[in-house]
Amino acid sequence: EMAKEETNETIDKLIAYWQLHRHFDANIAELARYARVSRDTVYRWLNKKAQPREQKVKLIQEWLSQKKLQE
């Protein structure tokens, strides 16, 4: 099982990404589609009200690294 530390680190990176970028809703919708979850789920991750499951953490990491490559 993935360490809770890695999950928390990933969510912190996601939050940091969102604090730096506008078009918040477009990004939320895009990540929701990418991770096959609802926008509400993404909001819960960002507010740390829910922890993503291991496979979702991997998808968030992939999505963030793709975003970094595009910048």
PDB file of N, CA and C in Angstrom:
ATOM      1  N   GLU A   1       0.849  -1.207   0.000  1.00  0.00           N
ATOM      2  CA  GLU A   1       0.000   0.000   0.000  1.00  0.00           C
ATOM      3  C   GLU A   1       0.878   1.248   0.000  1.00  0.00           C
ATOM      4  N   MET A   2       0.442   2.231  -0.715  1.00  0.00           N
ATOM      5  CA  MET A   2       1.203   3.476  -0.827  1.00  0.00           C
ATOM      6  C   MET A   2       1.250   4.190   0.515  1.00  0.00           C
ATOM      7  N   ALA A   3       2.402   4.735   0.816  1.00  0.00           N
ATOM      8  CA  ALA A   3       2.557   5.478   2.064  1.00  0.00           C
ATOM      9  C   ALA A   3       1.642   6.694   2.067  1.00  0.00           C
ATOM     10  N   LYS A   4       1.051   6.948   3.226  1.00  0.00           N
ATOM     11  CA  LYS A   4       0.177   8.111   3.390  1.00  0.00           C
ATOM     12  C   LYS A   4       0.967   9.389   3.100  1.00  0.00           C
ATOM     13  N   GLU A   5       2.259   9.335   3.405  1.00  0.00           N
ATOM     14  CA  GLU A   5       3.160  10.468   3.159  1.00  0.00           C
ATOM     15  C   GLU A   5       3.156  10.869   1.686  1.00  0.00           C
ATOM     16  N   GLU A   6       3.256   9.865   0.819  1.00  0.00           N
ATOM     17  CA  GLU A   6       3.290  10.139  -0.625  1.00  0.00           C
ATOM     18  C   GLU A   6       1.963  10.737  -1.087  1.00  0.00           C
ATOM     19  N   THR A   7       0.873  10.225  -0.538  1.00  0.00           N
ATOM     20  CA  THR A   7      -0.444  10.772  -0.872  1.00  0.00           C
ATOM     21  C   THR A   7      -0.519  12.228  -0.452  1.00  0.00           C
ATOM     22  N   ASN A   8      -0.116  12.510   0.788  1.00  0.00           N
ATOM     23  CA  ASN A   8      -0.167  13.889   1.287  1.00  0.00           C
ATOM     24  C   ASN A   8       0.722  14.812   0.467  1.00  0.00           C
ATOM     25  N   GLU A   9       1.902  14.329   0.113  1.00  0.00           N
ATOM     26  CA  GLU A   9       2.843  15.105  -0.703  1.00  0.00           C
ATOM     27  C   GLU A   9       2.222  15.442  -2.061  1.00  0.00           C
ATOM     28  N   THR A  10       1.581  14.447  -2.660  1.00  0.00           N
ATOM     29  CA  THR A  10       0.951  14.640  -3.966  1.00  0.00           C
ATOM     30  C   THR A  10      -0.154  15.684  -3.878  1.00  0.00           C
ATOM     31  N   ILE A  11      -0.980  15.599  -2.840  1.00  0.00           N
ATOM     32  CA  ILE A  11      -2.064  16.571  -2.674  1.00  0.00           C
ATOM     33  C   ILE A  11      -1.487  17.961  -2.427  1.00  0.00           C
ATOM     34  N   ASP A  12      -0.414  18.049  -1.645  1.00  0.00           N
ATOM     35  CA  ASP A  12       0.225  19.353  -1.417  1.00  0.00           C
ATOM     36  C   ASP A  12       0.723  19.949  -2.733  1.00  0.00           C
ATOM     37  N   LYS A  13       1.285  19.098  -3.601  1.00  0.00           N
ATOM     38  CA  LYS A  13       1.749  19.572  -4.913  1.00  0.00           C
ATOM     39  C   LYS A  13       0.573  20.053  -5.757  1.00  0.00           C
ATOM     40  N   LEU A  14      -0.529  19.312  -5.672  1.00  0.00           N
ATOM     41  CA  LEU A  14      -1.730  19.682  -6.416  1.00  0.00           C
ATOM     42  C   LEU A  14      -2.244  21.044  -5.940  1.00  0.00           C
ATOM     43  N   ILE A  15      -2.278  21.239  -4.623  1.00  0.00           N
ATOM     44  CA  ILE A  15      -2.735  22.510  -4.055  1.00  0.00           C
ATOM     45  C   ILE A  15      -1.798  23.637  -4.483  1.00  0.00           C
ATOM     46  N   ALA A  16      -0.499  23.392  -4.428  1.00  0.00           N
ATOM     47  CA  ALA A  16       0.486  24.405  -4.834  1.00  0.00           C
ATOM     48  C   ALA A  16       0.293  24.767  -6.306  1.00  0.00           C
ATOM     49  N   TYR A  17       0.039  23.753  -7.138  1.00  0.00           N
ATOM     50  CA  TYR A  17      -0.194  23.994  -8.561  1.00  0.00           C
ATOM     51  C   TYR A  17      -1.389  24.927  -8.733  1.00  0.00           C
ATOM     52  N   TRP A  18      -2.471  24.636  -8.005  1.00  0.00           N
ATOM     53  CA  TRP A  18      -3.672  25.448  -8.151  1.00  0.00           C
ATOM     54  C   TRP A  18      -3.509  26.850  -7.611  1.00  0.00           C
ATOM     55  N   GLN A  19      -2.657  27.024  -6.612  1.00  0.00           N
ATOM     56  CA  GLN A  19      -2.444  28.366  -6.080  1.00  0.00           C
ATOM     57  C   GLN A  19      -1.689  29.224  -7.090  1.00  0.00           C
ATOM     58  N   LEU A  20      -0.930  28.587  -7.973  1.00  0.00           N
ATOM     59  CA  LEU A  20      -0.138  29.312  -8.971  1.00  0.00           C
ATOM     60  C   LEU A  20      -0.884  29.577 -10.276  1.00  0.00           C
ATOM     61  N   HIS A  21      -1.906  28.802 -10.558  1.00  0.00           N
ATOM     62  CA  HIS A  21      -2.550  28.883 -11.869  1.00  0.00           C
ATOM     63  C   HIS A  21      -3.989  29.342 -11.776  1.00  0.00           C
ATOM     64  N   ARG A  22      -4.338  30.198 -12.718  1.00  0.00           N
ATOM     65  CA  ARG A  22      -5.733  30.609 -12.829  1.00  0.00           C
ATOM     66  C   ARG A  22      -6.469  29.543 -13.632  1.00  0.00           C
ATOM     67  N   HIS A  23      -7.601  29.874 -14.164  1.00  0.00           N
ATOM     68  CA  HIS A  23      -8.419  28.896 -14.906  1.00  0.00           C
ATOM     69  C   HIS A  23      -8.695  27.685 -14.017  1.00  0.00           C
ATOM     70  N   PHE A  24      -8.936  27.985 -12.760  1.00  0.00           N
ATOM     71  CA  PHE A  24      -9.139  26.967 -11.734  1.00  0.00           C
ATOM     72  C   PHE A  24     -10.184  25.940 -12.157  1.00  0.00           C
ATOM     73  N   ASP A  25     -11.356  26.420 -12.592  1.00  0.00           N
ATOM     74  CA  ASP A  25     -12.433  25.494 -12.940  1.00  0.00           C
ATOM     75  C   ASP A  25     -12.087  24.614 -14.131  1.00  0.00           C
ATOM     76  N   ALA A  26     -11.410  25.182 -15.112  1.00  0.00           N
ATOM     77  CA  ALA A  26     -11.019  24.389 -16.283  1.00  0.00           C
ATOM     78  C   ALA A  26     -10.054  23.280 -15.863  1.00  0.00           C
ATOM     79  N   ASN A  27      -9.120  23.605 -14.988  1.00  0.00           N
ATOM     80  CA  ASN A  27      -8.170  22.599 -14.508  1.00  0.00           C
ATOM     81  C   ASN A  27      -8.857  21.531 -13.664  1.00  0.00           C
ATOM     82  N   ILE A  28      -9.791  21.951 -12.835  1.00  0.00           N
ATOM     83  CA  ILE A  28     -10.526  20.978 -12.011  1.00  0.00           C
ATOM     84  C   ILE A  28     -11.286  20.012 -12.907  1.00  0.00           C
ATOM     85  N   ALA A  29     -11.953  20.556 -13.917  1.00  0.00           N
ATOM     86  CA  ALA A  29     -12.723  19.711 -14.835  1.00  0.00           C
ATOM     87  C   ALA A  29     -11.792  18.752 -15.574  1.00  0.00           C
ATOM     88  N   GLU A  30     -10.647  19.269 -15.986  1.00  0.00           N
ATOM     89  CA  GLU A  30      -9.688  18.451 -16.736  1.00  0.00           C
ATOM     90  C   GLU A  30      -9.134  17.319 -15.869  1.00  0.00           C
ATOM     91  N   LEU A  31      -8.743  17.642 -14.633  1.00  0.00           N
ATOM     92  CA  LEU A  31      -8.225  16.596 -13.745  1.00  0.00           C
ATOM     93  C   LEU A  31      -9.328  15.591 -13.408  1.00  0.00           C
ATOM     94  N   ALA A  32     -10.537  16.073 -13.202  1.00  0.00           N
ATOM     95  CA  ALA A  32     -11.656  15.169 -12.893  1.00  0.00           C
ATOM     96  C   ALA A  32     -11.846  14.158 -14.028  1.00  0.00           C
ATOM     97  N   ARG A  33     -11.797  14.656 -15.267  1.00  0.00           N
ATOM     98  CA  ARG A  33     -11.917  13.747 -16.422  1.00  0.00           C
ATOM     99  C   ARG A  33     -10.741  12.775 -16.456  1.00  0.00           C
ATOM    100  N   TYR A  34      -9.537  13.299 -16.247  1.00  0.00           N
ATOM    101  CA  TYR A  34      -8.328  12.473 -16.325  1.00  0.00           C
ATOM    102  C   TYR A  34      -8.355  11.353 -15.281  1.00  0.00           C
ATOM    103  N   ALA A  35      -8.777  11.703 -14.073  1.00  0.00           N
ATOM    104  CA  ALA A  35      -8.777  10.721 -12.981  1.00  0.00           C
ATOM    105  C   ALA A  35     -10.097   9.945 -12.897  1.00  0.00           C
ATOM    106  N   ARG A  36     -11.021  10.267 -13.812  1.00  0.00           N
ATOM    107  CA  ARG A  36     -12.341   9.619 -13.843  1.00  0.00           C
ATOM    108  C   ARG A  36     -13.066   9.731 -12.500  1.00  0.00           C
ATOM    109  N   VAL A  37     -13.104  10.960 -11.999  1.00  0.00           N
ATOM    110  CA  VAL A  37     -13.853  11.248 -10.772  1.00  0.00           C
ATOM    111  C   VAL A  37     -14.690  12.496 -11.025  1.00  0.00           C
ATOM    112  N   SER A  38     -15.536  12.841 -10.079  1.00  0.00           N
ATOM    113  CA  SER A  38     -16.339  14.057 -10.230  1.00  0.00           C
ATOM    114  C   SER A  38     -15.523  15.276  -9.810  1.00  0.00           C
ATOM    115  N   ARG A  39     -15.993  16.443 -10.230  1.00  0.00           N
ATOM    116  CA  ARG A  39     -15.355  17.693  -9.788  1.00  0.00           C
ATOM    117  C   ARG A  39     -15.408  17.799  -8.272  1.00  0.00           C
ATOM    118  N   ASP A  40     -16.526  17.360  -7.690  1.00  0.00           N
ATOM    119  CA  ASP A  40     -16.666  17.421  -6.229  1.00  0.00           C
ATOM    120  C   ASP A  40     -15.570  16.627  -5.535  1.00  0.00           C
ATOM    121  N   THR A  41     -15.221  15.488  -6.119  1.00  0.00           N
ATOM    122  CA  THR A  41     -14.149  14.672  -5.542  1.00  0.00           C
ATOM    123  C   THR A  41     -12.831  15.430  -5.577  1.00  0.00           C
ATOM    124  N   VAL A  42     -12.548  16.089  -6.698  1.00  0.00           N
ATOM    125  CA  VAL A  42     -11.311  16.879  -6.799  1.00  0.00           C
ATOM    126  C   VAL A  42     -11.317  17.989  -5.750  1.00  0.00           C
ATOM    127  N   TYR A  43     -12.446  18.666  -5.578  1.00  0.00           N
ATOM    128  CA  TYR A  43     -12.542  19.708  -4.541  1.00  0.00           C
ATOM    129  C   TYR A  43     -12.283  19.121  -3.157  1.00  0.00           C
ATOM    130  N   ARG A  44     -12.805  17.923  -2.903  1.00  0.00           N
ATOM    131  CA  ARG A  44     -12.581  17.299  -1.585  1.00  0.00           C
ATOM    132  C   ARG A  44     -11.104  16.996  -1.373  1.00  0.00           C
ATOM    133  N   TRP A  45     -10.421  16.558  -2.446  1.00  0.00           N
ATOM    134  CA  TRP A  45      -8.973  16.330  -2.324  1.00  0.00           C
ATOM    135  C   TRP A  45      -8.266  17.633  -1.991  1.00  0.00           C
ATOM    136  N   LEU A  46      -8.621  18.697  -2.716  1.00  0.00           N
ATOM    137  CA  LEU A  46      -7.962  19.991  -2.519  1.00  0.00           C
ATOM    138  C   LEU A  46      -8.202  20.552  -1.122  1.00  0.00           C
ATOM    139  N   ASN A  47      -9.359  20.266  -0.568  1.00  0.00           N
ATOM    140  CA  ASN A  47      -9.677  20.741   0.784  1.00  0.00           C
ATOM    141  C   ASN A  47      -9.261  19.741   1.858  1.00  0.00           C
ATOM    142  N   LYS A  48      -8.607  18.658   1.407  1.00  0.00           N
ATOM    143  CA  LYS A  48      -8.135  17.596   2.296  1.00  0.00           C
ATOM    144  C   LYS A  48      -9.269  16.980   3.117  1.00  0.00           C
ATOM    145  N   LYS A  49     -10.457  16.964   2.530  1.00  0.00           N
ATOM    146  CA  LYS A  49     -11.594  16.312   3.191  1.00  0.00           C
ATOM    147  C   LYS A  49     -11.661  14.839   2.797  1.00  0.00           C
ATOM    148  N   ALA A  50     -10.926  14.499   1.754  1.00  0.00           N
ATOM    149  CA  ALA A  50     -10.885  13.107   1.304  1.00  0.00           C
ATOM    150  C   ALA A  50      -9.484  12.812   0.799  1.00  0.00           C
ATOM    151  N   GLN A  51      -9.059  11.569   0.991  1.00  0.00           N
ATOM    152  CA  GLN A  51      -7.757  11.139   0.471  1.00  0.00           C
ATOM    153  C   GLN A  51      -8.010  10.301  -0.775  1.00  0.00           C
ATOM    154  N   PRO A  52      -7.310  10.624  -1.859  1.00  0.00           N
ATOM    155  CA  PRO A  52      -7.490   9.788  -3.056  1.00  0.00           C
ATOM    156  C   PRO A  52      -6.928   8.389  -2.837  1.00  0.00           C
ATOM    157  N   ARG A  53      -7.530   7.416  -3.492  1.00  0.00           N
ATOM    158  CA  ARG A  53      -6.998   6.055  -3.434  1.00  0.00           C
ATOM    159  C   ARG A  53      -5.694   5.994  -4.223  1.00  0.00           C
ATOM    160  N   GLU A  54      -4.953   4.933  -3.983  1.00  0.00           N
ATOM    161  CA  GLU A  54      -3.613   4.786  -4.566  1.00  0.00           C
ATOM    162  C   GLU A  54      -3.583   5.003  -6.076  1.00  0.00           C
ATOM    163  N   GLN A  55      -4.526   4.376  -6.809  1.00  0.00           N
ATOM    164  CA  GLN A  55      -4.481   4.529  -8.274  1.00  0.00           C
ATOM    165  C   GLN A  55      -4.786   5.963  -8.685  1.00  0.00           C
ATOM    166  N   LYS A  56      -5.599   6.661  -7.886  1.00  0.00           N
ATOM    167  CA  LYS A  56      -5.916   8.057  -8.195  1.00  0.00           C
ATOM    168  C   LYS A  56      -4.705   8.943  -7.916  1.00  0.00           C
ATOM    169  N   VAL A  57      -3.944   8.618  -6.870  1.00  0.00           N
ATOM    170  CA  VAL A  57      -2.719   9.384  -6.571  1.00  0.00           C
ATOM    171  C   VAL A  57      -1.779   9.306  -7.768  1.00  0.00           C
ATOM    172  N   LYS A  58      -1.652   8.115  -8.338  1.00  0.00           N
ATOM    173  CA  LYS A  58      -0.778   7.944  -9.510  1.00  0.00           C
ATOM    174  C   LYS A  58      -1.276   8.798 -10.681  1.00  0.00           C
ATOM    175  N   LEU A  59      -2.586   8.839 -10.879  1.00  0.00           N
ATOM    176  CA  LEU A  59      -3.148   9.651 -11.966  1.00  0.00           C
ATOM    177  C   LEU A  59      -2.909  11.143 -11.719  1.00  0.00           C
ATOM    178  N   ILE A  60      -3.053  11.577 -10.469  1.00  0.00           N
ATOM    179  CA  ILE A  60      -2.793  12.986 -10.137  1.00  0.00           C
ATOM    180  C   ILE A  60      -1.331  13.312 -10.432  1.00  0.00           C
ATOM    181  N   GLN A  61      -0.427  12.414 -10.041  1.00  0.00           N
ATOM    182  CA  GLN A  61       1.008  12.632 -10.296  1.00  0.00           C
ATOM    183  C   GLN A  61       1.280  12.733 -11.792  1.00  0.00           C
ATOM    184  N   GLU A  62       0.681  11.833 -12.568  1.00  0.00           N
ATOM    185  CA  GLU A  62       0.855  11.868 -14.036  1.00  0.00           C
ATOM    186  C   GLU A  62       0.341  13.189 -14.602  1.00  0.00           C
ATOM    187  N   TRP A  63      -0.848  13.574 -14.160  1.00  0.00           N
ATOM    188  CA  TRP A  63      -1.469  14.800 -14.657  1.00  0.00           C
ATOM    189  C   TRP A  63      -0.595  16.004 -14.338  1.00  0.00           C
ATOM    190  N   LEU A  64      -0.098  16.073 -13.102  1.00  0.00           N
ATOM    191  CA  LEU A  64       0.758  17.198 -12.710  1.00  0.00           C
ATOM    192  C   LEU A  64       2.046  17.225 -13.528  1.00  0.00           C
ATOM    193  N   SER A  65       2.634  16.058 -13.779  1.00  0.00           N
ATOM    194  CA  SER A  65       3.888  16.072 -14.542  1.00  0.00           C
ATOM    195  C   SER A  65       3.639  16.459 -15.992  1.00  0.00           C
ATOM    196  N   GLN A  66       2.495  16.085 -16.553  1.00  0.00           N
ATOM    197  CA  GLN A  66       2.149  16.531 -17.914  1.00  0.00           C
ATOM    198  C   GLN A  66       1.989  18.047 -17.950  1.00  0.00           C
ATOM    199  N   LYS A  67       1.361  18.596 -16.917  1.00  0.00           N
ATOM    200  CA  LYS A  67       1.160  20.045 -16.844  1.00  0.00           C
ATOM    201  C   LYS A  67       2.498  20.770 -16.793  1.00  0.00           C
ATOM    202  N   LYS A  68       3.421  20.238 -16.022  1.00  0.00           N
ATOM    203  CA  LYS A  68       4.744  20.864 -15.902  1.00  0.00           C
ATOM    204  C   LYS A  68       5.477  20.849 -17.243  1.00  0.00           C
ATOM    205  N   LEU A  69       5.311  19.766 -17.996  1.00  0.00           N
ATOM    206  CA  LEU A  69       5.964  19.668 -19.303  1.00  0.00           C
ATOM    207  C   LEU A  69       5.396  20.678 -20.292  1.00  0.00           C
ATOM    208  N   GLN A  70       4.133  21.033 -20.118  1.00  0.00           N
ATOM    209  CA  GLN A  70       3.480  21.961 -21.052  1.00  0.00           C
ATOM    210  C   GLN A  70       3.830  23.417 -20.768  1.00  0.00           C
ATOM    211  N   GLU A  71       4.326  23.700 -19.575  1.00  0.00           N
ATOM    212  CA  GLU A  71       4.571  25.102 -19.191  1.00  0.00           C
ATOM    213  C   GLU A  71       5.781  25.676 -19.899  1.00  0.00           C
TER     214      GLU A  71
END
